[in-house]
Amino acid sequence: MPAQATTVTVFPTPSDHLATPQTQITIRGLPSSLVDHIDVDVSALGVGDSLKLGDIAAPEGLELTGDPDLVLADIARIDPQEVADAFPDIPIVGFTNHTDTSGLRRAHAAGFDQVVAKSALFERAHELIGGLLASVE
């Protein structure tokens, strides 16, 4: 889930800048509660301040968590290689529209554990995700 800094204030000197080493947040919730991004207000931060996961308010119906047990990635909205690089030891399920053959191939090439059409994900979610989570436990 992308975390976006909003309401950024201008720091006192041109040499000051906003460092964002963590731009992804892992969330937990029902599919109906999922959002495209989470806005993070950094206007109150001063030079040298930091923002921790516990400081961020989760949208209604979602929980912010640490490292995930499984990554579920919409291939049409992300770069599969970036996801694979960010979560090297975590099972990844990629999905996209069945006509996005290029995206499906990129996810396979990136090393996703499962790559399926969006319709198959909804039809076989329990089987696909359950099998991968069982291998983690």
N, C-alpha and C. Protein backbone atom coordinates (compact mmCIF):
# COMPACT_ATOMS: atom_id res chain seq x y z
N MET A 1 0.86 -1.16 0.00
CA MET A 1 0.00 0.00 0.00
C MET A 1 0.90 1.22 0.00
N PRO A 2 0.79 2.10 -0.99
CA PRO A 2 1.62 3.30 -0.99
C PRO A 2 1.24 4.25 0.15
N ALA A 3 2.24 4.81 0.78
CA ALA A 3 2.01 5.85 1.79
C ALA A 3 2.41 7.17 1.16
N GLN A 4 1.54 8.12 1.16
CA GLN A 4 1.82 9.40 0.52
C GLN A 4 1.90 10.49 1.58
N ALA A 5 2.97 11.26 1.53
CA ALA A 5 3.11 12.40 2.45
C ALA A 5 2.27 13.55 1.93
N THR A 6 1.49 14.12 2.79
CA THR A 6 0.65 15.25 2.39
C THR A 6 0.91 16.43 3.31
N THR A 7 0.49 17.59 2.89
CA THR A 7 0.64 18.83 3.66
C THR A 7 2.10 19.01 4.10
N VAL A 8 2.99 18.91 3.15
CA VAL A 8 4.42 19.06 3.44
C VAL A 8 4.73 20.54 3.58
N THR A 9 5.37 20.92 4.67
CA THR A 9 5.76 22.32 4.86
C THR A 9 7.17 22.54 4.33
N VAL A 10 7.48 23.75 4.01
CA VAL A 10 8.83 24.08 3.55
C VAL A 10 9.71 24.25 4.77
N PHE A 11 10.81 23.52 4.81
CA PHE A 11 11.73 23.62 5.93
C PHE A 11 12.53 24.91 5.83
N PRO A 12 13.16 25.32 6.93
CA PRO A 12 13.82 26.63 6.96
C PRO A 12 14.92 26.85 5.93
N THR A 13 15.67 25.80 5.57
CA THR A 13 16.77 26.03 4.63
C THR A 13 16.62 25.13 3.41
N PRO A 14 17.18 25.52 2.29
CA PRO A 14 17.07 24.70 1.09
C PRO A 14 17.76 23.34 1.22
N SER A 15 18.70 23.20 2.14
CA SER A 15 19.40 21.93 2.28
C SER A 15 18.58 20.89 3.02
N ASP A 16 17.51 21.30 3.70
CA ASP A 16 16.65 20.36 4.41
C ASP A 16 15.73 19.69 3.40
N HIS A 17 15.47 18.41 3.61
CA HIS A 17 14.57 17.70 2.71
C HIS A 17 13.82 16.62 3.48
N LEU A 18 12.78 16.12 2.86
CA LEU A 18 11.97 15.07 3.45
C LEU A 18 12.47 13.73 2.96
N ALA A 19 13.02 12.94 3.85
CA ALA A 19 13.49 11.60 3.50
C ALA A 19 12.35 10.62 3.72
N THR A 20 12.11 9.76 2.75
CA THR A 20 11.03 8.78 2.88
C THR A 20 11.57 7.38 2.62
N PRO A 21 12.31 6.82 3.60
CA PRO A 21 12.88 5.49 3.38
C PRO A 21 11.82 4.40 3.28
N GLN A 22 10.67 4.58 3.88
CA GLN A 22 9.61 3.57 3.86
C GLN A 22 8.41 4.17 3.15
N THR A 23 8.09 3.66 1.97
CA THR A 23 6.95 4.19 1.23
C THR A 23 5.83 3.18 1.08
N GLN A 24 5.99 2.01 1.68
CA GLN A 24 4.97 0.97 1.62
C GLN A 24 4.53 0.63 3.04
N ILE A 25 3.24 0.44 3.22
CA ILE A 25 2.68 0.06 4.51
C ILE A 25 1.87 -1.21 4.29
N THR A 26 2.05 -2.19 5.15
CA THR A 26 1.28 -3.42 5.06
C THR A 26 -0.02 -3.23 5.84
N ILE A 27 -1.13 -3.61 5.21
CA ILE A 27 -2.44 -3.45 5.84
C ILE A 27 -3.14 -4.79 5.92
N ARG A 28 -4.12 -4.86 6.82
CA ARG A 28 -4.95 -6.05 6.95
C ARG A 28 -6.40 -5.58 7.03
N GLY A 29 -7.26 -6.23 6.25
CA GLY A 29 -8.67 -5.87 6.27
C GLY A 29 -9.43 -6.62 5.20
N LEU A 30 -10.72 -6.46 5.20
CA LEU A 30 -11.56 -7.08 4.19
C LEU A 30 -11.38 -6.36 2.85
N PRO A 31 -11.54 -7.06 1.74
CA PRO A 31 -11.39 -6.42 0.43
C PRO A 31 -12.26 -5.18 0.26
N SER A 32 -13.43 -5.17 0.87
CA SER A 32 -14.32 -4.02 0.73
C SER A 32 -13.77 -2.78 1.43
N SER A 33 -12.80 -2.94 2.32
CA SER A 33 -12.22 -1.82 3.06
C SER A 33 -10.93 -1.29 2.43
N LEU A 34 -10.41 -1.98 1.42
CA LEU A 34 -9.12 -1.60 0.85
C LEU A 34 -9.18 -0.24 0.17
N VAL A 35 -8.08 0.48 0.24
CA VAL A 35 -7.95 1.80 -0.37
C VAL A 35 -6.71 1.80 -1.26
N ASP A 36 -6.62 2.77 -2.18
CA ASP A 36 -5.48 2.86 -3.09
C ASP A 36 -4.22 3.38 -2.41
N HIS A 37 -4.39 4.24 -1.42
CA HIS A 37 -3.25 4.82 -0.73
C HIS A 37 -3.71 5.34 0.64
N ILE A 38 -2.75 5.64 1.46
CA ILE A 38 -3.02 6.23 2.77
C ILE A 38 -2.27 7.55 2.82
N ASP A 39 -3.00 8.64 3.08
CA ASP A 39 -2.37 9.95 3.22
C ASP A 39 -1.76 10.06 4.61
N VAL A 40 -0.53 10.56 4.66
CA VAL A 40 0.17 10.75 5.92
C VAL A 40 0.54 12.22 6.03
N ASP A 41 0.02 12.91 7.04
CA ASP A 41 0.29 14.32 7.25
C ASP A 41 1.63 14.48 7.96
N VAL A 42 2.59 15.08 7.28
CA VAL A 42 3.92 15.27 7.86
C VAL A 42 4.18 16.75 8.16
N SER A 43 3.15 17.56 8.16
CA SER A 43 3.34 19.00 8.34
C SER A 43 3.91 19.36 9.72
N ALA A 44 3.67 18.54 10.72
CA ALA A 44 4.15 18.86 12.07
C ALA A 44 5.57 18.36 12.32
N LEU A 45 6.16 17.63 11.37
CA LEU A 45 7.52 17.12 11.56
C LEU A 45 8.54 18.22 11.36
N GLY A 46 9.54 18.20 12.21
CA GLY A 46 10.65 19.13 12.06
C GLY A 46 11.86 18.40 11.52
N VAL A 47 12.93 19.11 11.32
CA VAL A 47 14.17 18.52 10.83
C VAL A 47 14.63 17.45 11.82
N GLY A 48 14.91 16.26 11.33
CA GLY A 48 15.38 15.17 12.18
C GLY A 48 14.27 14.35 12.80
N ASP A 49 13.01 14.79 12.69
CA ASP A 49 11.89 14.02 13.24
C ASP A 49 11.59 12.82 12.35
N SER A 50 10.92 11.85 12.93
CA SER A 50 10.52 10.69 12.14
C SER A 50 9.09 10.31 12.48
N LEU A 51 8.51 9.54 11.63
CA LEU A 51 7.14 9.07 11.79
C LEU A 51 7.18 7.55 11.82
N LYS A 52 6.60 6.95 12.83
CA LYS A 52 6.57 5.49 12.98
C LYS A 52 5.21 4.96 12.55
N LEU A 53 5.15 3.67 12.26
CA LEU A 53 3.91 3.05 11.84
C LEU A 53 2.79 3.31 12.84
N GLY A 54 3.09 3.26 14.13
CA GLY A 54 2.09 3.48 15.16
C GLY A 54 1.55 4.90 15.20
N ASP A 55 2.25 5.84 14.55
CA ASP A 55 1.79 7.23 14.50
C ASP A 55 0.76 7.48 13.39
N ILE A 56 0.58 6.51 12.52
CA ILE A 56 -0.30 6.68 11.36
C ILE A 56 -1.68 6.12 11.68
N ALA A 57 -2.71 6.89 11.41
CA ALA A 57 -4.08 6.45 11.64
C ALA A 57 -4.53 5.56 10.48
N ALA A 58 -4.99 4.37 10.80
CA ALA A 58 -5.47 3.45 9.76
C ALA A 58 -6.86 3.86 9.31
N PRO A 59 -7.14 3.77 8.02
CA PRO A 59 -8.50 4.03 7.54
C PRO A 59 -9.48 3.04 8.19
N GLU A 60 -10.73 3.44 8.26
CA GLU A 60 -11.75 2.60 8.89
C GLU A 60 -11.79 1.21 8.24
N GLY A 61 -11.80 0.18 9.07
CA GLY A 61 -11.88 -1.19 8.59
C GLY A 61 -10.54 -1.81 8.25
N LEU A 62 -9.45 -1.06 8.42
CA LEU A 62 -8.12 -1.58 8.12
C LEU A 62 -7.22 -1.52 9.34
N GLU A 63 -6.25 -2.40 9.36
CA GLU A 63 -5.25 -2.44 10.42
C GLU A 63 -3.88 -2.33 9.77
N LEU A 64 -3.02 -1.48 10.28
CA LEU A 64 -1.66 -1.37 9.78
C LEU A 64 -0.82 -2.40 10.52
N THR A 65 -0.04 -3.18 9.79
CA THR A 65 0.74 -4.26 10.40
C THR A 65 2.20 -4.15 10.00
N GLY A 66 3.00 -5.01 10.58
CA GLY A 66 4.41 -5.09 10.21
C GLY A 66 4.56 -5.91 8.93
N ASP A 67 5.60 -6.72 8.85
CA ASP A 67 5.82 -7.53 7.66
C ASP A 67 4.64 -8.47 7.42
N PRO A 68 4.22 -8.60 6.19
CA PRO A 68 3.07 -9.45 5.88
C PRO A 68 3.43 -10.93 5.85
N ASP A 69 2.41 -11.77 5.97
CA ASP A 69 2.58 -13.21 5.77
C ASP A 69 2.51 -13.55 4.29
N LEU A 70 1.83 -12.69 3.54
CA LEU A 70 1.62 -12.91 2.12
C LEU A 70 1.38 -11.56 1.45
N VAL A 71 1.87 -11.41 0.23
CA VAL A 71 1.65 -10.19 -0.53
C VAL A 71 0.69 -10.50 -1.67
N LEU A 72 -0.36 -9.70 -1.78
CA LEU A 72 -1.34 -9.82 -2.85
C LEU A 72 -1.20 -8.56 -3.70
N ALA A 73 -0.74 -8.71 -4.96
CA ALA A 73 -0.38 -7.55 -5.77
C ALA A 73 -1.20 -7.48 -7.05
N ASP A 74 -1.79 -6.31 -7.30
CA ASP A 74 -2.50 -6.04 -8.55
C ASP A 74 -1.44 -5.63 -9.57
N ILE A 75 -1.12 -6.54 -10.46
CA ILE A 75 -0.02 -6.37 -11.41
C ILE A 75 -0.23 -5.15 -12.31
N ALA A 76 -1.47 -4.79 -12.58
CA ALA A 76 -1.75 -3.65 -13.45
C ALA A 76 -1.37 -2.33 -12.79
N ARG A 77 -1.18 -2.33 -11.47
CA ARG A 77 -0.94 -1.07 -10.74
C ARG A 77 0.45 -0.96 -10.15
N ILE A 78 1.26 -2.00 -10.30
CA ILE A 78 2.59 -1.99 -9.68
C ILE A 78 3.63 -2.53 -10.65
N ASP A 79 4.89 -2.39 -10.29
CA ASP A 79 5.98 -3.01 -11.04
C ASP A 79 6.29 -4.34 -10.33
N PRO A 80 6.03 -5.47 -10.98
CA PRO A 80 6.25 -6.77 -10.31
C PRO A 80 7.66 -6.94 -9.76
N GLN A 81 8.67 -6.46 -10.47
CA GLN A 81 10.03 -6.64 -9.98
C GLN A 81 10.27 -5.86 -8.69
N GLU A 82 9.70 -4.66 -8.57
CA GLU A 82 9.83 -3.88 -7.33
C GLU A 82 9.19 -4.61 -6.16
N VAL A 83 8.04 -5.24 -6.39
CA VAL A 83 7.37 -5.98 -5.32
C VAL A 83 8.21 -7.18 -4.92
N ALA A 84 8.72 -7.93 -5.91
CA ALA A 84 9.55 -9.10 -5.62
C ALA A 84 10.81 -8.70 -4.86
N ASP A 85 11.41 -7.56 -5.23
CA ASP A 85 12.61 -7.10 -4.54
C ASP A 85 12.29 -6.65 -3.11
N ALA A 86 11.12 -6.06 -2.89
CA ALA A 86 10.75 -5.56 -1.57
C ALA A 86 10.39 -6.68 -0.60
N PHE A 87 9.92 -7.81 -1.13
CA PHE A 87 9.47 -8.92 -0.27
C PHE A 87 10.10 -10.23 -0.73
N PRO A 88 11.44 -10.34 -0.62
CA PRO A 88 12.12 -11.52 -1.17
C PRO A 88 11.78 -12.84 -0.49
N ASP A 89 11.41 -12.82 0.77
CA ASP A 89 11.17 -14.06 1.51
C ASP A 89 9.70 -14.27 1.85
N ILE A 90 8.82 -13.54 1.18
CA ILE A 90 7.39 -13.62 1.48
C ILE A 90 6.65 -14.07 0.23
N PRO A 91 5.74 -15.04 0.35
CA PRO A 91 4.98 -15.49 -0.83
C PRO A 91 4.21 -14.33 -1.46
N ILE A 92 4.21 -14.30 -2.80
CA ILE A 92 3.53 -13.23 -3.53
C ILE A 92 2.54 -13.83 -4.51
N VAL A 93 1.30 -13.34 -4.46
CA VAL A 93 0.27 -13.70 -5.43
C VAL A 93 0.01 -12.45 -6.26
N GLY A 94 0.18 -12.56 -7.57
CA GLY A 94 -0.10 -11.46 -8.47
C GLY A 94 -1.36 -11.73 -9.26
N PHE A 95 -2.13 -10.68 -9.51
CA PHE A 95 -3.34 -10.84 -10.31
C PHE A 95 -3.52 -9.63 -11.21
N THR A 96 -4.20 -9.85 -12.31
CA THR A 96 -4.54 -8.77 -13.24
C THR A 96 -5.63 -9.27 -14.17
N ASN A 97 -6.08 -8.40 -15.05
CA ASN A 97 -7.08 -8.76 -16.04
C ASN A 97 -6.51 -9.85 -16.94
N HIS A 98 -7.34 -10.77 -17.36
CA HIS A 98 -6.86 -11.90 -18.17
C HIS A 98 -6.27 -11.46 -19.51
N THR A 99 -6.59 -10.25 -19.97
CA THR A 99 -6.04 -9.77 -21.23
C THR A 99 -4.67 -9.11 -21.06
N ASP A 100 -4.23 -8.91 -19.83
CA ASP A 100 -2.93 -8.28 -19.56
C ASP A 100 -1.83 -9.34 -19.57
N THR A 101 -1.60 -9.93 -20.72
CA THR A 101 -0.62 -11.02 -20.81
C THR A 101 0.80 -10.52 -20.53
N SER A 102 1.09 -9.28 -20.88
CA SER A 102 2.40 -8.71 -20.59
C SER A 102 2.63 -8.62 -19.08
N GLY A 103 1.64 -8.16 -18.35
CA GLY A 103 1.74 -8.07 -16.90
C GLY A 103 1.89 -9.44 -16.26
N LEU A 104 1.13 -10.41 -16.75
CA LEU A 104 1.23 -11.77 -16.22
C LEU A 104 2.64 -12.32 -16.44
N ARG A 105 3.20 -12.08 -17.63
CA ARG A 105 4.57 -12.55 -17.91
C ARG A 105 5.60 -11.85 -17.02
N ARG A 106 5.44 -10.52 -16.81
CA ARG A 106 6.38 -9.79 -15.95
C ARG A 106 6.35 -10.33 -14.52
N ALA A 107 5.16 -10.65 -14.01
CA ALA A 107 5.06 -11.18 -12.65
C ALA A 107 5.70 -12.56 -12.55
N HIS A 108 5.50 -13.39 -13.57
CA HIS A 108 6.17 -14.69 -13.58
C HIS A 108 7.69 -14.50 -13.59
N ALA A 109 8.16 -13.60 -14.45
CA ALA A 109 9.60 -13.37 -14.56
C ALA A 109 10.19 -12.81 -13.26
N ALA A 110 9.40 -12.04 -12.53
CA ALA A 110 9.87 -11.47 -11.25
C ALA A 110 9.93 -12.52 -10.15
N GLY A 111 9.30 -13.68 -10.37
CA GLY A 111 9.36 -14.75 -9.38
C GLY A 111 8.18 -14.84 -8.44
N PHE A 112 7.04 -14.24 -8.82
CA PHE A 112 5.84 -14.36 -7.98
C PHE A 112 5.53 -15.85 -7.78
N ASP A 113 5.02 -16.19 -6.60
CA ASP A 113 4.69 -17.58 -6.30
C ASP A 113 3.46 -18.06 -7.07
N GLN A 114 2.50 -17.18 -7.23
CA GLN A 114 1.29 -17.48 -8.01
C GLN A 114 0.96 -16.25 -8.84
N VAL A 115 0.56 -16.47 -10.09
CA VAL A 115 0.13 -15.39 -10.97
C VAL A 115 -1.15 -15.86 -11.64
N VAL A 116 -2.23 -15.11 -11.43
CA VAL A 116 -3.53 -15.53 -11.94
C VAL A 116 -4.31 -14.34 -12.50
N ALA A 117 -5.29 -14.68 -13.33
CA ALA A 117 -6.23 -13.66 -13.78
C ALA A 117 -7.10 -13.25 -12.60
N LYS A 118 -7.57 -12.01 -12.60
CA LYS A 118 -8.36 -11.50 -11.49
C LYS A 118 -9.58 -12.39 -11.21
N SER A 119 -10.23 -12.87 -12.26
CA SER A 119 -11.40 -13.73 -12.06
C SER A 119 -11.03 -15.02 -11.34
N ALA A 120 -9.87 -15.59 -11.66
CA ALA A 120 -9.42 -16.82 -10.99
C ALA A 120 -9.08 -16.55 -9.53
N LEU A 121 -8.55 -15.37 -9.24
CA LEU A 121 -8.24 -15.03 -7.84
C LEU A 121 -9.52 -15.07 -7.01
N PHE A 122 -10.58 -14.45 -7.53
CA PHE A 122 -11.83 -14.42 -6.78
C PHE A 122 -12.46 -15.81 -6.69
N GLU A 123 -12.33 -16.62 -7.73
CA GLU A 123 -12.91 -17.96 -7.72
C GLU A 123 -12.11 -18.92 -6.84
N ARG A 124 -10.78 -18.76 -6.80
CA ARG A 124 -9.92 -19.73 -6.11
C ARG A 124 -9.11 -19.11 -4.98
N ALA A 125 -9.56 -18.00 -4.42
CA ALA A 125 -8.79 -17.28 -3.39
C ALA A 125 -8.41 -18.18 -2.22
N HIS A 126 -9.36 -18.91 -1.70
CA HIS A 126 -9.09 -19.76 -0.53
C HIS A 126 -8.00 -20.77 -0.86
N GLU A 127 -8.09 -21.41 -2.00
CA GLU A 127 -7.11 -22.41 -2.40
C GLU A 127 -5.72 -21.79 -2.62
N LEU A 128 -5.67 -20.70 -3.36
CA LEU A 128 -4.38 -20.06 -3.68
C LEU A 128 -3.69 -19.50 -2.44
N ILE A 129 -4.42 -18.72 -1.69
CA ILE A 129 -3.84 -18.05 -0.53
C ILE A 129 -3.63 -19.02 0.61
N GLY A 130 -4.58 -19.90 0.85
CA GLY A 130 -4.45 -20.89 1.92
C GLY A 130 -3.21 -21.77 1.72
N GLY A 131 -2.97 -22.19 0.50
CA GLY A 131 -1.80 -23.03 0.22
C GLY A 131 -0.50 -22.32 0.48
N LEU A 132 -0.41 -21.07 0.08
CA LEU A 132 0.82 -20.31 0.32
C LEU A 132 1.03 -19.99 1.79
N LEU A 133 -0.05 -19.66 2.50
CA LEU A 133 0.09 -19.38 3.93
C LEU A 133 0.47 -20.63 4.71
N ALA A 134 -0.02 -21.78 4.29
CA ALA A 134 0.34 -23.03 4.96
C ALA A 134 1.84 -23.30 4.82
N SER A 135 2.43 -22.89 3.70
CA SER A 135 3.86 -23.11 3.51
C SER A 135 4.69 -22.18 4.40
N VAL A 136 4.12 -21.08 4.84
CA VAL A 136 4.83 -20.13 5.71
C VAL A 136 4.84 -20.63 7.14
N GLU A 137 3.75 -21.25 7.56
CA GLU A 137 3.59 -21.66 8.96
C GLU A 137 4.41 -22.85 9.31
